[in-house]
Protein backbone atom coordinates (compact mmCIF):
# COMPACT_ATOMS: atom_id res chain seq x y z
CA MET A 1 -34.49 -33.82 8.59
CA SER A 2 -35.55 -30.17 8.85
CA VAL A 3 -33.41 -29.72 12.00
CA PHE A 4 -30.34 -30.87 10.08
CA PHE A 5 -30.92 -28.29 7.34
CA PHE A 6 -31.56 -25.61 9.97
CA ILE A 7 -28.21 -26.40 11.64
CA VAL A 8 -26.40 -26.38 8.27
CA ILE A 9 -27.88 -22.98 7.43
CA ILE A 10 -26.87 -21.55 10.84
CA VAL A 11 -23.30 -22.87 10.49
CA ALA A 12 -23.08 -21.49 6.93
CA LEU A 13 -24.30 -18.05 8.03
CA VAL A 14 -21.85 -17.91 10.93
CA THR A 15 -18.98 -19.00 8.67
CA CYS A 16 -19.88 -16.45 5.99
CA GLY A 17 -20.11 -13.77 8.68
CA GLU A 18 -16.64 -14.62 9.99
CA VAL A 19 -15.16 -14.61 6.48
CA LEU A 20 -16.83 -11.29 5.66
CA THR A 21 -15.58 -9.75 8.93
CA LYS A 22 -11.99 -10.87 8.27
CA TRP A 23 -12.19 -9.62 4.68
CA LEU A 24 -13.43 -6.19 5.74
CA ASP A 25 -10.80 -5.88 8.50
CA ARG A 26 -7.86 -6.66 6.19
CA PRO A 27 -5.12 -4.02 5.90
CA ALA A 28 -5.18 -1.58 3.03
CA ILE A 29 -3.30 -2.54 -0.12
CA GLN A 30 0.23 -1.14 -0.19
CA PRO A 31 1.08 1.15 -3.12
CA PRO A 32 3.27 -0.46 -5.78
CA VAL A 33 7.01 0.02 -5.56
CA GLY A 34 8.15 3.04 -7.51
CA SER A 35 5.15 5.27 -7.01
CA GLY A 36 6.60 7.87 -4.66
CA ASN A 37 8.87 5.42 -2.82
CA GLU A 38 12.12 6.42 -4.51
CA PRO A 39 13.76 7.79 -1.32
CA GLU A 40 13.01 4.58 0.59
CA ILE A 41 14.32 2.43 -2.27
CA ALA A 42 17.50 4.51 -2.51
CA ASP A 43 18.00 4.17 1.25
CA LEU A 44 17.52 0.39 1.07
CA ARG A 45 20.02 0.14 -1.78
CA GLU A 46 22.58 2.14 0.21
CA GLN A 47 22.06 -0.05 3.29
CA LEU A 48 22.39 -3.19 1.17
CA SER A 49 25.63 -1.90 -0.30
CA LEU A 50 27.03 -1.18 3.17
CA LEU A 51 26.00 -4.62 4.37
CA SER A 52 27.65 -6.23 1.36
CA GLU A 53 30.90 -4.38 2.10
CA GLN A 54 30.80 -5.53 5.73
CA VAL A 55 30.27 -9.16 4.70
CA ASP A 56 33.24 -8.91 2.31
CA ARG A 57 35.40 -7.43 5.07
CA LEU A 58 34.39 -10.15 7.54
CA THR A 59 35.12 -12.84 4.96
CA GLU A 60 38.62 -11.47 4.40
CA GLU A 61 39.21 -11.28 8.17
CA GLN A 62 38.11 -14.89 8.53
CA ARG A 63 40.51 -16.00 5.77
CA PHE A 64 43.34 -14.09 7.44
CA MET A 65 42.65 -15.66 10.84
CA THR A 66 42.45 -19.10 9.26
CA ARG A 67 45.87 -18.61 7.65
CA LEU A 68 47.31 -17.44 10.99
CA LEU A 69 45.95 -20.50 12.77
CA GLU A 70 47.26 -22.85 10.09
CA ASP A 71 50.73 -21.26 10.07
CA ARG A 72 51.39 -21.35 13.83
CA PRO A 73 53.92 -23.95 15.04
CA GLY A 74 52.43 -27.20 16.32
CA ALA A 75 49.01 -26.41 14.93
CA THR A 76 46.74 -29.24 13.95
CA PRO A 77 45.43 -28.90 10.41
CA LEU A 78 41.99 -27.37 10.16
CA PRO A 79 39.27 -29.39 8.45
CA GLU A 80 38.60 -28.63 4.80
CA HIS A 81 35.52 -26.53 4.22
CA SER A 82 33.48 -26.60 1.07
CA GLU A 83 30.59 -24.20 0.58
CA SER A 84 28.72 -26.73 -1.54
CA LYS A 85 28.47 -29.32 1.26
CA GLU A 86 24.99 -30.59 1.97
CA PRO A 87 23.99 -30.93 5.63
CA SER A 88 23.76 -34.60 6.59
């Protein structure tokens, strides 16, 4: 019976040591957004705006190409596309 308790104590000490080591090696806490990060936030907003404009442009180009493909002579009708379709 005393060997069992000895093994439990050893396992508990090793586990606590591992947890303590991981806790001490964790990365430092990042500063909250807004405390000196205004230039980075402004840059991210600008990049997001540019990305949004590119997505809008690509969407319009896709609509244009779809109309061209549908309007060509002898074209088979394209399947209807709904953005609310659930994958089956």
